[in-house]
Amino acid sequence: MVKSSDILLILVAILFPPAAAAFITGCSCDLLINILLTILGYLPGHLHAFWLIYKKMQAEERYGYAGFRYVGGGKYEAAPGVQPQAAPPTYGAINHQ
């Protein structure tokens, strides 16, 4: 589910990708990578920023809003005391494992 904060991040990423990376990761190696990618070409900076937004949206689905923390490299972990949410039921679909 896309929230208004995610839409705002996408708009910021379209205008200036390093700002979106800074909002998501803070002052981290991913911010430096995004700045360098944006300098090398505007499209690589966009793709990296959109990837960071996508990973953040996945973490929100898995851990709930504000139930996670960024550990770097596009990876998130549960905040202390937070358990991942159970996967939604498949409603009769066959799941081959």
PDB file of N, CA and C in Angstrom:
ATOM      1  N   MET A   1       0.844  -1.171   0.000  1.00  0.00           N
ATOM      2  CA  MET A   1       0.000   0.000   0.000  1.00  0.00           C
ATOM      3  C   MET A   1       0.894   1.240   0.000  1.00  0.00           C
ATOM      4  N   VAL A   2       0.603   2.152  -0.887  1.00  0.00           N
ATOM      5  CA  VAL A   2       1.395   3.374  -1.012  1.00  0.00           C
ATOM      6  C   VAL A   2       0.772   4.457  -0.134  1.00  0.00           C
ATOM      7  N   LYS A   3       1.601   5.045   0.717  1.00  0.00           N
ATOM      8  CA  LYS A   3       1.137   6.111   1.603  1.00  0.00           C
ATOM      9  C   LYS A   3       1.526   7.466   1.025  1.00  0.00           C
ATOM     10  N   SER A   4       0.961   8.505   1.587  1.00  0.00           N
ATOM     11  CA  SER A   4       1.269   9.856   1.103  1.00  0.00           C
ATOM     12  C   SER A   4       2.735  10.201   1.328  1.00  0.00           C
ATOM     13  N   SER A   5       3.348   9.667   2.387  1.00  0.00           N
ATOM     14  CA  SER A   5       4.773   9.933   2.609  1.00  0.00           C
ATOM     15  C   SER A   5       5.621   9.283   1.518  1.00  0.00           C
ATOM     16  N   ASP A   6       5.188   8.115   1.026  1.00  0.00           N
ATOM     17  CA  ASP A   6       5.917   7.469  -0.067  1.00  0.00           C
ATOM     18  C   ASP A   6       5.766   8.253  -1.364  1.00  0.00           C
ATOM     19  N   ILE A   7       4.592   8.811  -1.592  1.00  0.00           N
ATOM     20  CA  ILE A   7       4.377   9.625  -2.791  1.00  0.00           C
ATOM     21  C   ILE A   7       5.250  10.874  -2.725  1.00  0.00           C
ATOM     22  N   LEU A   8       5.350  11.469  -1.556  1.00  0.00           N
ATOM     23  CA  LEU A   8       6.208  12.636  -1.383  1.00  0.00           C
ATOM     24  C   LEU A   8       7.673  12.274  -1.620  1.00  0.00           C
ATOM     25  N   LEU A   9       8.095  11.112  -1.128  1.00  0.00           N
ATOM     26  CA  LEU A   9       9.470  10.670  -1.375  1.00  0.00           C
ATOM     27  C   LEU A   9       9.724  10.455  -2.861  1.00  0.00           C
ATOM     28  N   ILE A  10       8.755   9.908  -3.577  1.00  0.00           N
ATOM     29  CA  ILE A  10       8.906   9.703  -5.020  1.00  0.00           C
ATOM     30  C   ILE A  10       9.039  11.043  -5.734  1.00  0.00           C
ATOM     31  N   LEU A  11       8.236  12.025  -5.346  1.00  0.00           N
ATOM     32  CA  LEU A  11       8.334  13.348  -5.961  1.00  0.00           C
ATOM     33  C   LEU A  11       9.691  13.991  -5.684  1.00  0.00           C
ATOM     34  N   VAL A  12      10.179  13.846  -4.459  1.00  0.00           N
ATOM     35  CA  VAL A  12      11.499  14.383  -4.123  1.00  0.00           C
ATOM     36  C   VAL A  12      12.572  13.655  -4.926  1.00  0.00           C
ATOM     37  N   ALA A  13      12.421  12.330  -5.089  1.00  0.00           N
ATOM     38  CA  ALA A  13      13.400  11.554  -5.864  1.00  0.00           C
ATOM     39  C   ALA A  13      13.414  11.973  -7.328  1.00  0.00           C
ATOM     40  N   ILE A  14      12.273  12.373  -7.859  1.00  0.00           N
ATOM     41  CA  ILE A  14      12.226  12.835  -9.244  1.00  0.00           C
ATOM     42  C   ILE A  14      12.971  14.159  -9.379  1.00  0.00           C
ATOM     43  N   LEU A  15      12.782  15.056  -8.422  1.00  0.00           N
ATOM     44  CA  LEU A  15      13.415  16.370  -8.495  1.00  0.00           C
ATOM     45  C   LEU A  15      14.899  16.330  -8.152  1.00  0.00           C
ATOM     46  N   PHE A  16      15.250  15.638  -7.071  1.00  0.00           N
ATOM     47  CA  PHE A  16      16.638  15.597  -6.610  1.00  0.00           C
ATOM     48  C   PHE A  16      16.882  14.300  -5.844  1.00  0.00           C
ATOM     49  N   PRO A  17      17.359  13.260  -6.532  1.00  0.00           N
ATOM     50  CA  PRO A  17      17.502  11.935  -5.920  1.00  0.00           C
ATOM     51  C   PRO A  17      18.320  11.895  -4.619  1.00  0.00           C
ATOM     52  N   PRO A  18      19.423  12.637  -4.472  1.00  0.00           N
ATOM     53  CA  PRO A  18      20.153  12.561  -3.198  1.00  0.00           C
ATOM     54  C   PRO A  18      19.332  13.020  -1.986  1.00  0.00           C
ATOM     55  N   ALA A  19      18.403  13.938  -2.195  1.00  0.00           N
ATOM     56  CA  ALA A  19      17.564  14.372  -1.065  1.00  0.00           C
ATOM     57  C   ALA A  19      16.684  13.223  -0.596  1.00  0.00           C
ATOM     58  N   ALA A  20      16.109  12.468  -1.528  1.00  0.00           N
ATOM     59  CA  ALA A  20      15.283  11.323  -1.145  1.00  0.00           C
ATOM     60  C   ALA A  20      16.130  10.272  -0.433  1.00  0.00           C
ATOM     61  N   ALA A  21      17.338  10.042  -0.934  1.00  0.00           N
ATOM     62  CA  ALA A  21      18.231   9.079  -0.279  1.00  0.00           C
ATOM     63  C   ALA A  21      18.590   9.554   1.127  1.00  0.00           C
ATOM     64  N   ALA A  22      18.782  10.851   1.302  1.00  0.00           N
ATOM     65  CA  ALA A  22      19.105  11.386   2.624  1.00  0.00           C
ATOM     66  C   ALA A  22      17.924  11.227   3.584  1.00  0.00           C
ATOM     67  N   PHE A  23      16.704  11.435   3.104  1.00  0.00           N
ATOM     68  CA  PHE A  23      15.530  11.266   3.958  1.00  0.00           C
ATOM     69  C   PHE A  23      15.397   9.824   4.425  1.00  0.00           C
ATOM     70  N   ILE A  24      15.737   8.878   3.565  1.00  0.00           N
ATOM     71  CA  ILE A  24      15.554   7.462   3.892  1.00  0.00           C
ATOM     72  C   ILE A  24      16.703   6.932   4.745  1.00  0.00           C
ATOM     73  N   THR A  25      17.941   7.205   4.331  1.00  0.00           N
ATOM     74  CA  THR A  25      19.091   6.561   4.967  1.00  0.00           C
ATOM     75  C   THR A  25      19.853   7.447   5.932  1.00  0.00           C
ATOM     76  N   GLY A  26      19.585   8.741   5.921  1.00  0.00           N
ATOM     77  CA  GLY A  26      20.367   9.652   6.742  1.00  0.00           C
ATOM     78  C   GLY A  26      21.735   9.846   6.113  1.00  0.00           C
ATOM     79  N   CYS A  27      22.692  10.238   6.899  1.00  0.00           N
ATOM     80  CA  CYS A  27      24.050  10.437   6.397  1.00  0.00           C
ATOM     81  C   CYS A  27      24.761   9.091   6.430  1.00  0.00           C
ATOM     82  N   SER A  28      24.675   8.374   5.302  1.00  0.00           N
ATOM     83  CA  SER A  28      25.241   7.027   5.247  1.00  0.00           C
ATOM     84  C   SER A  28      25.981   6.835   3.934  1.00  0.00           C
ATOM     85  N   CYS A  29      26.520   5.660   3.781  1.00  0.00           N
ATOM     86  CA  CYS A  29      27.228   5.311   2.552  1.00  0.00           C
ATOM     87  C   CYS A  29      26.271   5.336   1.357  1.00  0.00           C
ATOM     88  N   ASP A  30      25.009   4.968   1.574  1.00  0.00           N
ATOM     89  CA  ASP A  30      24.030   4.995   0.479  1.00  0.00           C
ATOM     90  C   ASP A  30      23.792   6.407  -0.033  1.00  0.00           C
ATOM     91  N   LEU A  31      23.879   7.386   0.831  1.00  0.00           N
ATOM     92  CA  LEU A  31      23.747   8.777   0.394  1.00  0.00           C
ATOM     93  C   LEU A  31      24.925   9.155  -0.507  1.00  0.00           C
ATOM     94  N   LEU A  32      26.128   8.777  -0.112  1.00  0.00           N
ATOM     95  CA  LEU A  32      27.302   9.058  -0.931  1.00  0.00           C
ATOM     96  C   LEU A  32      27.208   8.349  -2.284  1.00  0.00           C
ATOM     97  N   ILE A  33      26.758   7.107  -2.283  1.00  0.00           N
ATOM     98  CA  ILE A  33      26.574   6.363  -3.527  1.00  0.00           C
ATOM     99  C   ILE A  33      25.570   7.072  -4.420  1.00  0.00           C
ATOM    100  N   ASN A  34      24.481   7.541  -3.825  1.00  0.00           N
ATOM    101  CA  ASN A  34      23.464   8.214  -4.630  1.00  0.00           C
ATOM    102  C   ASN A  34      23.984   9.525  -5.203  1.00  0.00           C
ATOM    103  N   ILE A  35      24.749  10.260  -4.434  1.00  0.00           N
ATOM    104  CA  ILE A  35      25.326  11.510  -4.945  1.00  0.00           C
ATOM    105  C   ILE A  35      26.244  11.215  -6.123  1.00  0.00           C
ATOM    106  N   LEU A  36      27.102  10.202  -5.980  1.00  0.00           N
ATOM    107  CA  LEU A  36      28.019   9.851  -7.066  1.00  0.00           C
ATOM    108  C   LEU A  36      27.266   9.366  -8.297  1.00  0.00           C
ATOM    109  N   LEU A  37      26.230   8.554  -8.101  1.00  0.00           N
ATOM    110  CA  LEU A  37      25.436   8.086  -9.239  1.00  0.00           C
ATOM    111  C   LEU A  37      24.720   9.239  -9.932  1.00  0.00           C
ATOM    112  N   THR A  38      24.249  10.203  -9.167  1.00  0.00           N
ATOM    113  CA  THR A  38      23.579  11.359  -9.758  1.00  0.00           C
ATOM    114  C   THR A  38      24.568  12.222 -10.535  1.00  0.00           C
ATOM    115  N   ILE A  39      25.790  12.338 -10.039  1.00  0.00           N
ATOM    116  CA  ILE A  39      26.808  13.095 -10.766  1.00  0.00           C
ATOM    117  C   ILE A  39      27.174  12.383 -12.064  1.00  0.00           C
ATOM    118  N   LEU A  40      27.293  11.053 -12.011  1.00  0.00           N
ATOM    119  CA  LEU A  40      27.653  10.282 -13.204  1.00  0.00           C
ATOM    120  C   LEU A  40      26.549  10.306 -14.255  1.00  0.00           C
ATOM    121  N   GLY A  41      25.336  10.371 -13.810  1.00  0.00           N
ATOM    122  CA  GLY A  41      24.210  10.422 -14.728  1.00  0.00           C
ATOM    123  C   GLY A  41      22.940  10.534 -13.917  1.00  0.00           C
ATOM    124  N   TYR A  42      22.037  11.351 -14.385  1.00  0.00           N
ATOM    125  CA  TYR A  42      20.835  11.601 -13.596  1.00  0.00           C
ATOM    126  C   TYR A  42      19.985  10.341 -13.445  1.00  0.00           C
ATOM    127  N   LEU A  43      19.917   9.506 -14.479  1.00  0.00           N
ATOM    128  CA  LEU A  43      19.103   8.287 -14.427  1.00  0.00           C
ATOM    129  C   LEU A  43      19.611   7.283 -13.394  1.00  0.00           C
ATOM    130  N   PRO A  44      20.918   6.998 -13.293  1.00  0.00           N
ATOM    131  CA  PRO A  44      21.365   6.074 -12.244  1.00  0.00           C
ATOM    132  C   PRO A  44      21.025   6.551 -10.830  1.00  0.00           C
ATOM    133  N   GLY A  45      21.109   7.851 -10.604  1.00  0.00           N
ATOM    134  CA  GLY A  45      20.721   8.391  -9.304  1.00  0.00           C
ATOM    135  C   GLY A  45      19.248   8.176  -9.017  1.00  0.00           C
ATOM    136  N   HIS A  46      18.420   8.349 -10.049  1.00  0.00           N
ATOM    137  CA  HIS A  46      16.986   8.094  -9.895  1.00  0.00           C
ATOM    138  C   HIS A  46      16.717   6.631  -9.571  1.00  0.00           C
ATOM    139  N   LEU A  47      17.339   5.746 -10.317  1.00  0.00           N
ATOM    140  CA  LEU A  47      17.102   4.315 -10.101  1.00  0.00           C
ATOM    141  C   LEU A  47      17.503   3.904  -8.692  1.00  0.00           C
ATOM    142  N   HIS A  48      18.624   4.403  -8.204  1.00  0.00           N
ATOM    143  CA  HIS A  48      19.050   4.075  -6.849  1.00  0.00           C
ATOM    144  C   HIS A  48      18.079   4.632  -5.810  1.00  0.00           C
ATOM    145  N   ALA A  49      17.624   5.847  -5.998  1.00  0.00           N
ATOM    146  CA  ALA A  49      16.670   6.442  -5.055  1.00  0.00           C
ATOM    147  C   ALA A  49      15.358   5.668  -5.060  1.00  0.00           C
ATOM    148  N   PHE A  50      14.871   5.285  -6.254  1.00  0.00           N
ATOM    149  CA  PHE A  50      13.625   4.517  -6.323  1.00  0.00           C
ATOM    150  C   PHE A  50      13.798   3.145  -5.691  1.00  0.00           C
ATOM    151  N   TRP A  51      14.979   2.544  -5.831  1.00  0.00           N
ATOM    152  CA  TRP A  51      15.243   1.256  -5.198  1.00  0.00           C
ATOM    153  C   TRP A  51      15.207   1.388  -3.675  1.00  0.00           C
ATOM    154  N   LEU A  52      15.802   2.465  -3.145  1.00  0.00           N
ATOM    155  CA  LEU A  52      15.762   2.697  -1.700  1.00  0.00           C
ATOM    156  C   LEU A  52      14.325   2.891  -1.206  1.00  0.00           C
ATOM    157  N   ILE A  53      13.520   3.613  -1.977  1.00  0.00           N
ATOM    158  CA  ILE A  53      12.114   3.817  -1.599  1.00  0.00           C
ATOM    159  C   ILE A  53      11.374   2.484  -1.610  1.00  0.00           C
ATOM    160  N   TYR A  54      11.631   1.660  -2.626  1.00  0.00           N
ATOM    161  CA  TYR A  54      10.987   0.350  -2.717  1.00  0.00           C
ATOM    162  C   TYR A  54      11.353  -0.526  -1.517  1.00  0.00           C
ATOM    163  N   LYS A  55      12.621  -0.550  -1.132  1.00  0.00           N
ATOM    164  CA  LYS A  55      13.047  -1.354   0.016  1.00  0.00           C
ATOM    165  C   LYS A  55      12.410  -0.840   1.306  1.00  0.00           C
ATOM    166  N   LYS A  56      12.243   0.482   1.432  1.00  0.00           N
ATOM    167  CA  LYS A  56      11.587   1.051   2.614  1.00  0.00           C
ATOM    168  C   LYS A  56      10.121   0.637   2.664  1.00  0.00           C
ATOM    169  N   MET A  57       9.465   0.627   1.503  1.00  0.00           N
ATOM    170  CA  MET A  57       8.058   0.219   1.460  1.00  0.00           C
ATOM    171  C   MET A  57       7.917  -1.260   1.833  1.00  0.00           C
ATOM    172  N   GLN A  58       8.852  -2.095   1.409  1.00  0.00           N
ATOM    173  CA  GLN A  58       8.836  -3.506   1.790  1.00  0.00           C
ATOM    174  C   GLN A  58       9.001  -3.661   3.299  1.00  0.00           C
ATOM    175  N   ALA A  59       9.895  -2.876   3.897  1.00  0.00           N
ATOM    176  CA  ALA A  59      10.106  -2.942   5.344  1.00  0.00           C
ATOM    177  C   ALA A  59       8.859  -2.505   6.100  1.00  0.00           C
ATOM    178  N   GLU A  60       8.156  -1.488   5.594  1.00  0.00           N
ATOM    179  CA  GLU A  60       6.913  -1.055   6.244  1.00  0.00           C
ATOM    180  C   GLU A  60       5.861  -2.148   6.186  1.00  0.00           C
ATOM    181  N   GLU A  61       5.786  -2.874   5.074  1.00  0.00           N
ATOM    182  CA  GLU A  61       4.828  -3.971   4.975  1.00  0.00           C
ATOM    183  C   GLU A  61       5.190  -5.111   5.913  1.00  0.00           C
ATOM    184  N   ARG A  62       6.476  -5.371   6.058  1.00  0.00           N
ATOM    185  CA  ARG A  62       6.906  -6.507   6.873  1.00  0.00           C
ATOM    186  C   ARG A  62       6.867  -6.205   8.367  1.00  0.00           C
ATOM    187  N   TYR A  63       7.340  -5.015   8.772  1.00  0.00           N
ATOM    188  CA  TYR A  63       7.475  -4.701  10.191  1.00  0.00           C
ATOM    189  C   TYR A  63       6.454  -3.693  10.705  1.00  0.00           C
ATOM    190  N   GLY A  64       5.642  -3.134   9.827  1.00  0.00           N
ATOM    191  CA  GLY A  64       4.701  -2.110  10.246  1.00  0.00           C
ATOM    192  C   GLY A  64       5.365  -0.743  10.232  1.00  0.00           C
ATOM    193  N   TYR A  65       4.553   0.288  10.316  1.00  0.00           N
ATOM    194  CA  TYR A  65       5.073   1.648  10.266  1.00  0.00           C
ATOM    195  C   TYR A  65       5.931   1.914  11.490  1.00  0.00           C
ATOM    196  N   ALA A  66       7.156   2.366  11.282  1.00  0.00           N
ATOM    197  CA  ALA A  66       8.119   2.716  12.339  1.00  0.00           C
ATOM    198  C   ALA A  66       8.530   1.518  13.185  1.00  0.00           C
ATOM    199  N   GLY A  67       8.350   0.296  12.678  1.00  0.00           N
ATOM    200  CA  GLY A  67       8.762  -0.891  13.410  1.00  0.00           C
ATOM    201  C   GLY A  67      10.064  -1.461  12.892  1.00  0.00           C
ATOM    202  N   PHE A  68      10.867  -0.638  12.230  1.00  0.00           N
ATOM    203  CA  PHE A  68      12.100  -1.117  11.630  1.00  0.00           C
ATOM    204  C   PHE A  68      13.170  -0.042  11.702  1.00  0.00           C
ATOM    205  N   ARG A  69      14.398  -0.467  11.438  1.00  0.00           N
ATOM    206  CA  ARG A  69      15.489   0.499  11.353  1.00  0.00           C
ATOM    207  C   ARG A  69      16.377   0.109  10.188  1.00  0.00           C
ATOM    208  N   TYR A  70      16.966   1.106   9.578  1.00  0.00           N
ATOM    209  CA  TYR A  70      17.821   0.916   8.406  1.00  0.00           C
ATOM    210  C   TYR A  70      19.206   0.496   8.860  1.00  0.00           C
ATOM    211  N   VAL A  71      19.729  -0.591   8.268  1.00  0.00           N
ATOM    212  CA  VAL A  71      21.059  -1.067   8.656  1.00  0.00           C
ATOM    213  C   VAL A  71      22.090  -0.886   7.553  1.00  0.00           C
ATOM    214  N   GLY A  72      21.668  -0.387   6.394  1.00  0.00           N
ATOM    215  CA  GLY A  72      22.591  -0.124   5.300  1.00  0.00           C
ATOM    216  C   GLY A  72      22.427  -1.120   4.161  1.00  0.00           C
ATOM    217  N   GLY A  73      22.826  -0.701   2.989  1.00  0.00           N
ATOM    218  CA  GLY A  73      22.768  -1.577   1.829  1.00  0.00           C
ATOM    219  C   GLY A  73      21.357  -1.953   1.409  1.00  0.00           C
ATOM    220  N   GLY A  74      20.396  -1.118   1.732  1.00  0.00           N
ATOM    221  CA  GLY A  74      19.016  -1.420   1.374  1.00  0.00           C
ATOM    222  C   GLY A  74      18.372  -2.453   2.272  1.00  0.00           C
ATOM    223  N   LYS A  75      18.989  -2.745   3.401  1.00  0.00           N
ATOM    224  CA  LYS A  75      18.465  -3.763   4.321  1.00  0.00           C
ATOM    225  C   LYS A  75      17.893  -3.099   5.572  1.00  0.00           C
ATOM    226  N   TYR A  76      16.837  -3.704   6.059  1.00  0.00           N
ATOM    227  CA  TYR A  76      16.172  -3.235   7.263  1.00  0.00           C
ATOM    228  C   TYR A  76      16.056  -4.389   8.242  1.00  0.00           C
ATOM    229  N   GLU A  77      15.978  -4.062   9.509  1.00  0.00           N
ATOM    230  CA  GLU A  77      15.729  -5.072  10.529  1.00  0.00           C
ATOM    231  C   GLU A  77      14.682  -4.530  11.486  1.00  0.00           C
ATOM    232  N   ALA A  78      14.065  -5.452  12.193  1.00  0.00           N
ATOM    233  CA  ALA A  78      13.018  -5.053  13.132  1.00  0.00           C
ATOM    234  C   ALA A  78      13.621  -4.216  14.259  1.00  0.00           C
ATOM    235  N   ALA A  79      12.871  -3.223  14.658  1.00  0.00           N
ATOM    236  CA  ALA A  79      13.287  -2.433  15.813  1.00  0.00           C
ATOM    237  C   ALA A  79      13.223  -3.331  17.042  1.00  0.00           C
ATOM    238  N   PRO A  80      13.982  -3.008  18.092  1.00  0.00           N
ATOM    239  CA  PRO A  80      13.941  -3.851  19.295  1.00  0.00           C
ATOM    240  C   PRO A  80      12.517  -4.034  19.810  1.00  0.00           C
ATOM    241  N   GLY A  81      12.149  -5.286  20.018  1.00  0.00           N
ATOM    242  CA  GLY A  81      10.827  -5.605  20.544  1.00  0.00           C
ATOM    243  C   GLY A  81       9.738  -5.734  19.499  1.00  0.00           C
ATOM    244  N   VAL A  82      10.070  -5.639  18.219  1.00  0.00           N
ATOM    245  CA  VAL A  82       9.074  -5.727  17.154  1.00  0.00           C
ATOM    246  C   VAL A  82       9.255  -7.048  16.408  1.00  0.00           C
ATOM    247  N   GLN A  83       8.173  -7.760  16.218  1.00  0.00           N
ATOM    248  CA  GLN A  83       8.193  -9.018  15.471  1.00  0.00           C
ATOM    249  C   GLN A  83       7.658  -8.773  14.067  1.00  0.00           C
ATOM    250  N   PRO A  84       8.233  -9.457  13.043  1.00  0.00           N
ATOM    251  CA  PRO A  84       7.679  -9.325  11.689  1.00  0.00           C
ATOM    252  C   PRO A  84       6.226  -9.774  11.652  1.00  0.00           C
ATOM    253  N   GLN A  85       5.433  -9.111  10.821  1.00  0.00           N
ATOM    254  CA  GLN A  85       4.031  -9.473  10.690  1.00  0.00           C
ATOM    255  C   GLN A  85       3.920 -10.761   9.910  1.00  0.00           C
ATOM    256  N   ALA A  86       2.881 -11.539  10.210  1.00  0.00           N
ATOM    257  CA  ALA A  86       2.657 -12.797   9.506  1.00  0.00           C
ATOM    258  C   ALA A  86       2.295 -12.525   8.059  1.00  0.00           C
ATOM    259  N   ALA A  87       2.675 -13.445   7.190  1.00  0.00           N
ATOM    260  CA  ALA A  87       2.337 -13.309   5.768  1.00  0.00           C
ATOM    261  C   ALA A  87       0.831 -13.453   5.590  1.00  0.00           C
ATOM    262  N   PRO A  88       0.245 -12.697   4.674  1.00  0.00           N
ATOM    263  CA  PRO A  88      -1.196 -12.819   4.459  1.00  0.00           C
ATOM    264  C   PRO A  88      -1.539 -14.195   3.891  1.00  0.00           C
ATOM    265  N   PRO A  89      -2.751 -14.692   4.146  1.00  0.00           N
ATOM    266  CA  PRO A  89      -3.131 -15.990   3.634  1.00  0.00           C
ATOM    267  C   PRO A  89      -3.194 -15.976   2.100  1.00  0.00           C
ATOM    268  N   THR A  90      -3.014 -17.144   1.510  1.00  0.00           N
ATOM    269  CA  THR A  90      -2.999 -17.243   0.051  1.00  0.00           C
ATOM    270  C   THR A  90      -4.386 -17.459  -0.525  1.00  0.00           C
ATOM    271  N   TYR A  91      -5.403 -17.681   0.289  1.00  0.00           N
ATOM    272  CA  TYR A  91      -6.792 -17.832  -0.142  1.00  0.00           C
ATOM    273  C   TYR A  91      -6.966 -18.918  -1.185  1.00  0.00           C
ATOM    274  N   GLY A  92      -6.422 -20.076  -0.900  1.00  0.00           N
ATOM    275  CA  GLY A  92      -6.658 -21.223  -1.758  1.00  0.00           C
ATOM    276  C   GLY A  92      -5.648 -21.412  -2.865  1.00  0.00           C
ATOM    277  N   ALA A  93      -4.735 -20.492  -3.036  1.00  0.00           N
ATOM    278  CA  ALA A  93      -3.714 -20.668  -4.064  1.00  0.00           C
ATOM    279  C   ALA A  93      -2.742 -21.756  -3.606  1.00  0.00           C
ATOM    280  N   ILE A  94      -2.224 -22.485  -4.546  1.00  0.00           N
ATOM    281  CA  ILE A  94      -1.288 -23.548  -4.223  1.00  0.00           C
ATOM    282  C   ILE A  94       0.094 -22.948  -4.096  1.00  0.00           C
ATOM    283  N   ASN A  95       0.744 -23.260  -2.991  1.00  0.00           N
ATOM    284  CA  ASN A  95       2.074 -22.749  -2.726  1.00  0.00           C
ATOM    285  C   ASN A  95       3.047 -23.916  -2.777  1.00  0.00           C
ATOM    286  N   HIS A  96       3.803 -24.032  -3.865  1.00  0.00           N
ATOM    287  CA  HIS A  96       4.779 -25.107  -3.993  1.00  0.00           C
ATOM    288  C   HIS A  96       6.081 -24.674  -3.351  1.00  0.00           C
ATOM    289  N   GLN A  97       6.528 -25.465  -2.394  1.00  0.00           N
ATOM    290  CA  GLN A  97       7.768 -25.117  -1.716  1.00  0.00           C
ATOM    291  C   GLN A  97       8.789 -26.191  -1.909  1.00  0.00           C
TER     292      GLN A  97
END
